Amino acid sequence: MIPRIIIADDHPAILHGCQVVLLNDSSFAKIQATATSVPELFSALESHECDVLIVDYSMPGADMDGLHMLGVLNRTLPEPARAGTDR
């Protein structure tokens, strides 16, 4: 199975670098969406299924800090998506 990935970071160089590395071998992963802010991230998660989420801890565009954002993600993502996290 090719993992479906969403990448969220407000730095264009990081987004581009992740895409280059992950798409270097197109059979390794499929990038479902990218986001440059917290609202874009939540919109991408509503629109696309993903197996892996690569997310910057501190992004602009929301009235929440990184810890709050991660808490919301932890509560709203399906259980299999959180399987690798420490609780």
PDB file of N, CA and C in Angstrom:
ATOM      1  N   MET A   1       0.831  -1.175   0.000  1.00  0.00           N
ATOM      2  CA  MET A   1       0.000   0.000   0.000  1.00  0.00           C
ATOM      3  C   MET A   1       0.884   1.250   0.000  1.00  0.00           C
ATOM      4  N   ILE A   2       0.568   2.198  -0.841  1.00  0.00           N
ATOM      5  CA  ILE A   2       1.283   3.466  -0.891  1.00  0.00           C
ATOM      6  C   ILE A   2       0.624   4.409   0.119  1.00  0.00           C
ATOM      7  N   PRO A   3       1.395   4.922   1.096  1.00  0.00           N
ATOM      8  CA  PRO A   3       0.786   5.817   2.084  1.00  0.00           C
ATOM      9  C   PRO A   3       0.354   7.146   1.460  1.00  0.00           C
ATOM     10  N   ARG A   4      -0.815   7.604   1.905  1.00  0.00           N
ATOM     11  CA  ARG A   4      -1.350   8.894   1.464  1.00  0.00           C
ATOM     12  C   ARG A   4      -0.956   9.922   2.524  1.00  0.00           C
ATOM     13  N   ILE A   5      -0.323  11.013   2.082  1.00  0.00           N
ATOM     14  CA  ILE A   5       0.281  11.955   3.013  1.00  0.00           C
ATOM     15  C   ILE A   5      -0.297  13.352   2.827  1.00  0.00           C
ATOM     16  N   ILE A   6      -0.518  14.037   3.948  1.00  0.00           N
ATOM     17  CA  ILE A   6      -0.820  15.464   3.946  1.00  0.00           C
ATOM     18  C   ILE A   6       0.330  16.146   4.669  1.00  0.00           C
ATOM     19  N   ILE A   7       0.859  17.210   4.062  1.00  0.00           N
ATOM     20  CA  ILE A   7       1.969  17.956   4.644  1.00  0.00           C
ATOM     21  C   ILE A   7       1.469  19.356   4.978  1.00  0.00           C
ATOM     22  N   ALA A   8       1.716  19.803   6.208  1.00  0.00           N
ATOM     23  CA  ALA A   8       1.302  21.133   6.629  1.00  0.00           C
ATOM     24  C   ALA A   8       2.482  21.871   7.236  1.00  0.00           C
ATOM     25  N   ASP A   9       2.870  22.958   6.597  1.00  0.00           N
ATOM     26  CA  ASP A   9       3.959  23.798   7.097  1.00  0.00           C
ATOM     27  C   ASP A   9       3.822  25.165   6.448  1.00  0.00           C
ATOM     28  N   ASP A  10       4.096  26.220   7.203  1.00  0.00           N
ATOM     29  CA  ASP A  10       3.943  27.566   6.654  1.00  0.00           C
ATOM     30  C   ASP A  10       5.189  28.066   5.931  1.00  0.00           C
ATOM     31  N   HIS A  11       6.220  27.252   5.859  1.00  0.00           N
ATOM     32  CA  HIS A  11       7.449  27.621   5.158  1.00  0.00           C
ATOM     33  C   HIS A  11       7.483  26.922   3.793  1.00  0.00           C
ATOM     34  N   PRO A  12       7.439  27.694   2.698  1.00  0.00           N
ATOM     35  CA  PRO A  12       7.426  27.096   1.355  1.00  0.00           C
ATOM     36  C   PRO A  12       8.612  26.174   1.087  1.00  0.00           C
ATOM     37  N   ALA A  13       9.782  26.501   1.632  1.00  0.00           N
ATOM     38  CA  ALA A  13      10.959  25.654   1.395  1.00  0.00           C
ATOM     39  C   ALA A  13      10.784  24.275   2.029  1.00  0.00           C
ATOM     40  N   ILE A  14      10.163  24.228   3.189  1.00  0.00           N
ATOM     41  CA  ILE A  14       9.922  22.934   3.857  1.00  0.00           C
ATOM     42  C   ILE A  14       8.915  22.113   3.060  1.00  0.00           C
ATOM     43  N   LEU A  15       7.817  22.756   2.644  1.00  0.00           N
ATOM     44  CA  LEU A  15       6.818  22.044   1.830  1.00  0.00           C
ATOM     45  C   LEU A  15       7.451  21.487   0.562  1.00  0.00           C
ATOM     46  N   HIS A  16       8.203  22.326  -0.125  1.00  0.00           N
ATOM     47  CA  HIS A  16       8.842  21.886  -1.370  1.00  0.00           C
ATOM     48  C   HIS A  16       9.836  20.760  -1.103  1.00  0.00           C
ATOM     49  N   GLY A  17      10.642  20.903  -0.071  1.00  0.00           N
ATOM     50  CA  GLY A  17      11.627  19.864   0.254  1.00  0.00           C
ATOM     51  C   GLY A  17      10.977  18.528   0.572  1.00  0.00           C
ATOM     52  N   CYS A  18       9.906  18.554   1.348  1.00  0.00           N
ATOM     53  CA  CYS A  18       9.187  17.303   1.658  1.00  0.00           C
ATOM     54  C   CYS A  18       8.628  16.675   0.393  1.00  0.00           C
ATOM     55  N   GLN A  19       8.073  17.506  -0.488  1.00  0.00           N
ATOM     56  CA  GLN A  19       7.522  16.979  -1.731  1.00  0.00           C
ATOM     57  C   GLN A  19       8.614  16.359  -2.592  1.00  0.00           C
ATOM     58  N   VAL A  20       9.754  17.004  -2.690  1.00  0.00           N
ATOM     59  CA  VAL A  20      10.859  16.480  -3.501  1.00  0.00           C
ATOM     60  C   VAL A  20      11.325  15.136  -2.953  1.00  0.00           C
ATOM     61  N   VAL A  21      11.512  15.074  -1.643  1.00  0.00           N
ATOM     62  CA  VAL A  21      12.006  13.835  -1.033  1.00  0.00           C
ATOM     63  C   VAL A  21      10.973  12.714  -1.181  1.00  0.00           C
ATOM     64  N   LEU A  22       9.710  12.999  -0.890  1.00  0.00           N
ATOM     65  CA  LEU A  22       8.685  11.965  -0.929  1.00  0.00           C
ATOM     66  C   LEU A  22       8.323  11.539  -2.345  1.00  0.00           C
ATOM     67  N   LEU A  23       8.409  12.455  -3.289  1.00  0.00           N
ATOM     68  CA  LEU A  23       8.036  12.120  -4.663  1.00  0.00           C
ATOM     69  C   LEU A  23       9.219  11.673  -5.510  1.00  0.00           C
ATOM     70  N   ASN A  24      10.414  11.636  -4.916  1.00  0.00           N
ATOM     71  CA  ASN A  24      11.597  11.173  -5.637  1.00  0.00           C
ATOM     72  C   ASN A  24      11.371   9.773  -6.196  1.00  0.00           C
ATOM     73  N   ASP A  25      10.699   8.955  -5.426  1.00  0.00           N
ATOM     74  CA  ASP A  25      10.316   7.612  -5.862  1.00  0.00           C
ATOM     75  C   ASP A  25       8.797   7.574  -5.800  1.00  0.00           C
ATOM     76  N   SER A  26       8.120   7.740  -6.917  1.00  0.00           N
ATOM     77  CA  SER A  26       6.665   7.903  -6.922  1.00  0.00           C
ATOM     78  C   SER A  26       5.922   6.702  -6.357  1.00  0.00           C
ATOM     79  N   SER A  27       6.579   5.563  -6.225  1.00  0.00           N
ATOM     80  CA  SER A  27       5.906   4.409  -5.650  1.00  0.00           C
ATOM     81  C   SER A  27       5.998   4.400  -4.127  1.00  0.00           C
ATOM     82  N   PHE A  28       6.729   5.370  -3.556  1.00  0.00           N
ATOM     83  CA  PHE A  28       6.898   5.405  -2.098  1.00  0.00           C
ATOM     84  C   PHE A  28       5.696   6.017  -1.399  1.00  0.00           C
ATOM     85  N   ALA A  29       5.179   7.127  -1.921  1.00  0.00           N
ATOM     86  CA  ALA A  29       4.092   7.821  -1.241  1.00  0.00           C
ATOM     87  C   ALA A  29       3.293   8.649  -2.233  1.00  0.00           C
ATOM     88  N   LYS A  30       2.078   9.006  -1.813  1.00  0.00           N
ATOM     89  CA  LYS A  30       1.237   9.897  -2.602  1.00  0.00           C
ATOM     90  C   LYS A  30       0.869  11.079  -1.720  1.00  0.00           C
ATOM     91  N   ILE A  31       1.236  12.267  -2.160  1.00  0.00           N
ATOM     92  CA  ILE A  31       0.886  13.462  -1.401  1.00  0.00           C
ATOM     93  C   ILE A  31      -0.542  13.845  -1.780  1.00  0.00           C
ATOM     94  N   GLN A  32      -1.430  13.762  -0.800  1.00  0.00           N
ATOM     95  CA  GLN A  32      -2.839  14.058  -1.014  1.00  0.00           C
ATOM     96  C   GLN A  32      -3.098  15.559  -1.055  1.00  0.00           C
ATOM     97  N   ALA A  33      -2.400  16.312  -0.172  1.00  0.00           N
ATOM     98  CA  ALA A  33      -2.627  17.751  -0.086  1.00  0.00           C
ATOM     99  C   ALA A  33      -1.491  18.383   0.699  1.00  0.00           C
ATOM    100  N   THR A  34      -1.373  19.703   0.542  1.00  0.00           N
ATOM    101  CA  THR A  34      -0.459  20.483   1.365  1.00  0.00           C
ATOM    102  C   THR A  34      -1.254  21.632   1.962  1.00  0.00           C
ATOM    103  N   ALA A  35      -0.761  22.149   3.081  1.00  0.00           N
ATOM    104  CA  ALA A  35      -1.420  23.268   3.754  1.00  0.00           C
ATOM    105  C   ALA A  35      -0.365  24.196   4.325  1.00  0.00           C
ATOM    106  N   THR A  36      -0.680  25.494   4.325  1.00  0.00           N
ATOM    107  CA  THR A  36       0.268  26.469   4.861  1.00  0.00           C
ATOM    108  C   THR A  36      -0.268  27.161   6.116  1.00  0.00           C
ATOM    109  N   SER A  37      -1.435  26.738   6.585  1.00  0.00           N
ATOM    110  CA  SER A  37      -2.012  27.307   7.802  1.00  0.00           C
ATOM    111  C   SER A  37      -2.889  26.255   8.465  1.00  0.00           C
ATOM    112  N   VAL A  38      -3.266  26.523   9.697  1.00  0.00           N
ATOM    113  CA  VAL A  38      -4.120  25.581  10.429  1.00  0.00           C
ATOM    114  C   VAL A  38      -5.489  25.431   9.745  1.00  0.00           C
ATOM    115  N   PRO A  39      -6.157  26.521   9.345  1.00  0.00           N
ATOM    116  CA  PRO A  39      -7.435  26.328   8.637  1.00  0.00           C
ATOM    117  C   PRO A  39      -7.294  25.499   7.355  1.00  0.00           C
ATOM    118  N   GLU A  40      -6.210  25.728   6.603  1.00  0.00           N
ATOM    119  CA  GLU A  40      -5.981  24.923   5.396  1.00  0.00           C
ATOM    120  C   GLU A  40      -5.769  23.457   5.758  1.00  0.00           C
ATOM    121  N   LEU A  41      -5.079  23.201   6.861  1.00  0.00           N
ATOM    122  CA  LEU A  41      -4.852  21.826   7.304  1.00  0.00           C
ATOM    123  C   LEU A  41      -6.172  21.127   7.607  1.00  0.00           C
ATOM    124  N   PHE A  42      -7.049  21.779   8.386  1.00  0.00           N
ATOM    125  CA  PHE A  42      -8.323  21.151   8.722  1.00  0.00           C
ATOM    126  C   PHE A  42      -9.206  20.976   7.484  1.00  0.00           C
ATOM    127  N   SER A  43      -9.129  21.908   6.555  1.00  0.00           N
ATOM    128  CA  SER A  43      -9.862  21.764   5.299  1.00  0.00           C
ATOM    129  C   SER A  43      -9.334  20.574   4.497  1.00  0.00           C
ATOM    130  N   ALA A  44      -8.017  20.439   4.432  1.00  0.00           N
ATOM    131  CA  ALA A  44      -7.409  19.311   3.715  1.00  0.00           C
ATOM    132  C   ALA A  44      -7.809  17.984   4.351  1.00  0.00           C
ATOM    133  N   LEU A  45      -7.855  17.946   5.673  1.00  0.00           N
ATOM    134  CA  LEU A  45      -8.235  16.708   6.361  1.00  0.00           C
ATOM    135  C   LEU A  45      -9.700  16.344   6.114  1.00  0.00           C
ATOM    136  N   GLU A  46     -10.548  17.355   5.920  1.00  0.00           N
ATOM    137  CA  GLU A  46     -11.953  17.088   5.606  1.00  0.00           C
ATOM    138  C   GLU A  46     -12.116  16.606   4.167  1.00  0.00           C
ATOM    139  N   SER A  47     -11.224  17.052   3.282  1.00  0.00           N
ATOM    140  CA  SER A  47     -11.368  16.762   1.855  1.00  0.00           C
ATOM    141  C   SER A  47     -10.600  15.529   1.384  1.00  0.00           C
ATOM    142  N   HIS A  48      -9.573  15.137   2.130  1.00  0.00           N
ATOM    143  CA  HIS A  48      -8.692  14.064   1.676  1.00  0.00           C
ATOM    144  C   HIS A  48      -8.453  13.053   2.784  1.00  0.00           C
ATOM    145  N   GLU A  49      -8.426  11.795   2.399  1.00  0.00           N
ATOM    146  CA  GLU A  49      -8.019  10.761   3.340  1.00  0.00           C
ATOM    147  C   GLU A  49      -6.503  10.731   3.395  1.00  0.00           C
ATOM    148  N   CYS A  50      -5.964  10.453   4.571  1.00  0.00           N
ATOM    149  CA  CYS A  50      -4.510  10.340   4.653  1.00  0.00           C
ATOM    150  C   CYS A  50      -4.133   9.265   5.662  1.00  0.00           C
ATOM    151  N   ASP A  51      -2.981   8.685   5.424  1.00  0.00           N
ATOM    152  CA  ASP A  51      -2.419   7.683   6.329  1.00  0.00           C
ATOM    153  C   ASP A  51      -1.338   8.303   7.205  1.00  0.00           C
ATOM    154  N   VAL A  52      -0.697   9.364   6.684  1.00  0.00           N
ATOM    155  CA  VAL A  52       0.398  10.033   7.389  1.00  0.00           C
ATOM    156  C   VAL A  52       0.156  11.532   7.325  1.00  0.00           C
ATOM    157  N   LEU A  53       0.333  12.186   8.461  1.00  0.00           N
ATOM    158  CA  LEU A  53       0.225  13.636   8.526  1.00  0.00           C
ATOM    159  C   LEU A  53       1.557  14.188   9.018  1.00  0.00           C
ATOM    160  N   ILE A  54       2.181  15.025   8.188  1.00  0.00           N
ATOM    161  CA  ILE A  54       3.414  15.706   8.573  1.00  0.00           C
ATOM    162  C   ILE A  54       3.012  17.149   8.841  1.00  0.00           C
ATOM    163  N   VAL A  55       3.153  17.587  10.085  1.00  0.00           N
ATOM    164  CA  VAL A  55       2.614  18.894  10.452  1.00  0.00           C
ATOM    165  C   VAL A  55       3.611  19.700  11.275  1.00  0.00           C
ATOM    166  N   ASP A  56       3.717  20.975  10.937  1.00  0.00           N
ATOM    167  CA  ASP A  56       4.509  21.925  11.705  1.00  0.00           C
ATOM    168  C   ASP A  56       3.754  22.217  13.001  1.00  0.00           C
ATOM    169  N   TYR A  57       4.482  22.305  14.084  1.00  0.00           N
ATOM    170  CA  TYR A  57       3.875  22.537  15.393  1.00  0.00           C
ATOM    171  C   TYR A  57       3.342  23.959  15.524  1.00  0.00           C
ATOM    172  N   SER A  58       3.947  24.896  14.822  1.00  0.00           N
ATOM    173  CA  SER A  58       3.581  26.300  14.974  1.00  0.00           C
ATOM    174  C   SER A  58       3.301  26.908  13.601  1.00  0.00           C
ATOM    175  N   MET A  59       2.013  27.105  13.306  1.00  0.00           N
ATOM    176  CA  MET A  59       1.623  27.700  12.024  1.00  0.00           C
ATOM    177  C   MET A  59       0.651  28.845  12.276  1.00  0.00           C
ATOM    178  N   PRO A  60       0.656  29.847  11.412  1.00  0.00           N
ATOM    179  CA  PRO A  60      -0.264  30.969  11.578  1.00  0.00           C
ATOM    180  C   PRO A  60      -1.674  30.621  11.097  1.00  0.00           C
ATOM    181  N   GLY A  61      -2.595  31.514  11.388  1.00  0.00           N
ATOM    182  CA  GLY A  61      -3.919  31.403  10.789  1.00  0.00           C
ATOM    183  C   GLY A  61      -4.967  30.743  11.647  1.00  0.00           C
ATOM    184  N   ALA A  62      -4.734  30.650  12.931  1.00  0.00           N
ATOM    185  CA  ALA A  62      -5.762  30.084  13.801  1.00  0.00           C
ATOM    186  C   ALA A  62      -5.612  30.696  15.188  1.00  0.00           C
ATOM    187  N   ASP A  63      -6.675  30.652  15.922  1.00  0.00           N
ATOM    188  CA  ASP A  63      -6.632  31.157  17.290  1.00  0.00           C
ATOM    189  C   ASP A  63      -6.260  30.037  18.251  1.00  0.00           C
ATOM    190  N   MET A  64      -5.245  29.281  17.875  1.00  0.00           N
ATOM    191  CA  MET A  64      -4.801  28.200  18.752  1.00  0.00           C
ATOM    192  C   MET A  64      -3.299  28.016  18.589  1.00  0.00           C
ATOM    193  N   ASP A  65      -2.657  27.622  19.670  1.00  0.00           N
ATOM    194  CA  ASP A  65      -1.227  27.331  19.583  1.00  0.00           C
ATOM    195  C   ASP A  65      -1.045  25.896  19.126  1.00  0.00           C
ATOM    196  N   GLY A  66       0.203  25.492  18.944  1.00  0.00           N
ATOM    197  CA  GLY A  66       0.497  24.162  18.438  1.00  0.00           C
ATOM    198  C   GLY A  66      -0.023  23.039  19.315  1.00  0.00           C
ATOM    199  N   LEU A  67       0.068  23.214  20.625  1.00  0.00           N
ATOM    200  CA  LEU A  67      -0.404  22.181  21.544  1.00  0.00           C
ATOM    201  C   LEU A  67      -1.909  21.990  21.413  1.00  0.00           C
ATOM    202  N   HIS A  68      -2.645  23.093  21.320  1.00  0.00           N
ATOM    203  CA  HIS A  68      -4.092  23.004  21.144  1.00  0.00           C
ATOM    204  C   HIS A  68      -4.428  22.345  19.808  1.00  0.00           C
ATOM    205  N   MET A  69      -3.708  22.740  18.729  1.00  0.00           N
ATOM    206  CA  MET A  69      -3.936  22.155  17.411  1.00  0.00           C
ATOM    207  C   MET A  69      -3.723  20.634  17.457  1.00  0.00           C
ATOM    208  N   LEU A  70      -2.639  20.205  18.097  1.00  0.00           N
ATOM    209  CA  LEU A  70      -2.371  18.769  18.182  1.00  0.00           C
ATOM    210  C   LEU A  70      -3.444  18.051  18.990  1.00  0.00           C
ATOM    211  N   GLY A  71      -3.958  18.702  20.027  1.00  0.00           N
ATOM    212  CA  GLY A  71      -5.052  18.112  20.807  1.00  0.00           C
ATOM    213  C   GLY A  71      -6.304  17.935  19.968  1.00  0.00           C
ATOM    214  N   VAL A  72      -6.629  18.954  19.170  1.00  0.00           N
ATOM    215  CA  VAL A  72      -7.804  18.860  18.279  1.00  0.00           C
ATOM    216  C   VAL A  72      -7.592  17.732  17.274  1.00  0.00           C
ATOM    217  N   LEU A  73      -6.406  17.652  16.697  1.00  0.00           N
ATOM    218  CA  LEU A  73      -6.116  16.574  15.748  1.00  0.00           C
ATOM    219  C   LEU A  73      -6.252  15.214  16.416  1.00  0.00           C
ATOM    220  N   ASN A  74      -5.736  15.098  17.627  1.00  0.00           N
ATOM    221  CA  ASN A  74      -5.795  13.829  18.350  1.00  0.00           C
ATOM    222  C   ASN A  74      -7.235  13.403  18.627  1.00  0.00           C
ATOM    223  N   ARG A  75      -8.095  14.379  18.917  1.00  0.00           N
ATOM    224  CA  ARG A  75      -9.496  14.060  19.205  1.00  0.00           C
ATOM    225  C   ARG A  75     -10.319  13.807  17.951  1.00  0.00           C
ATOM    226  N   THR A  76      -9.938  14.405  16.823  1.00  0.00           N
ATOM    227  CA  THR A  76     -10.795  14.324  15.636  1.00  0.00           C
ATOM    228  C   THR A  76     -10.352  13.301  14.597  1.00  0.00           C
ATOM    229  N   LEU A  77      -9.074  12.956  14.589  1.00  0.00           N
ATOM    230  CA  LEU A  77      -8.626  11.964  13.607  1.00  0.00           C
ATOM    231  C   LEU A  77      -9.070  10.575  14.031  1.00  0.00           C
ATOM    232  N   PRO A  78      -9.340   9.707  13.067  1.00  0.00           N
ATOM    233  CA  PRO A  78      -9.738   8.346  13.411  1.00  0.00           C
ATOM    234  C   PRO A  78      -8.625   7.610  14.154  1.00  0.00           C
ATOM    235  N   GLU A  79      -8.993   6.647  14.929  1.00  0.00           N
ATOM    236  CA  GLU A  79      -8.043   5.902  15.771  1.00  0.00           C
ATOM    237  C   GLU A  79      -6.831   5.368  15.012  1.00  0.00           C
ATOM    238  N   PRO A  80      -6.980   4.732  13.840  1.00  0.00           N
ATOM    239  CA  PRO A  80      -5.787   4.227  13.162  1.00  0.00           C
ATOM    240  C   PRO A  80      -4.772   5.316  12.824  1.00  0.00           C
ATOM    241  N   ALA A  81      -5.253   6.548  12.586  1.00  0.00           N
ATOM    242  CA  ALA A  81      -4.340   7.633  12.249  1.00  0.00           C
ATOM    243  C   ALA A  81      -3.490   8.041  13.446  1.00  0.00           C
ATOM    244  N   ARG A  82      -3.964   7.720  14.648  1.00  0.00           N
ATOM    245  CA  ARG A  82      -3.233   8.082  15.850  1.00  0.00           C
ATOM    246  C   ARG A  82      -2.442   6.921  16.420  1.00  0.00           C
ATOM    247  N   ALA A  83      -2.396   5.812  15.736  1.00  0.00           N
ATOM    248  CA  ALA A  83      -1.791   4.590  16.279  1.00  0.00           C
ATOM    249  C   ALA A  83      -0.340   4.768  16.683  1.00  0.00           C
ATOM    250  N   GLY A  84       0.411   5.635  16.007  1.00  0.00           N
ATOM    251  CA  GLY A  84       1.825   5.780  16.317  1.00  0.00           C
ATOM    252  C   GLY A  84       2.140   6.858  17.326  1.00  0.00           C
ATOM    253  N   THR A  85       1.132   7.517  17.904  1.00  0.00           N
ATOM    254  CA  THR A  85       1.385   8.618  18.835  1.00  0.00           C
ATOM    255  C   THR A  85       1.425   8.123  20.268  1.00  0.00           C
ATOM    256  N   ASP A  86       2.166   8.829  21.084  1.00  0.00           N
ATOM    257  CA  ASP A  86       2.181   8.549  22.533  1.00  0.00           C
ATOM    258  C   ASP A  86       1.003   9.260  23.168  1.00  0.00           C
ATOM    259  N   ARG A  87       0.339   8.574  24.061  1.00  0.00           N
ATOM    260  CA  ARG A  87      -0.804   9.209  24.748  1.00  0.00           C
ATOM    261  C   ARG A  87      -0.554   9.288  26.211  1.00  0.00           C
TER     262      ARG A  87
END
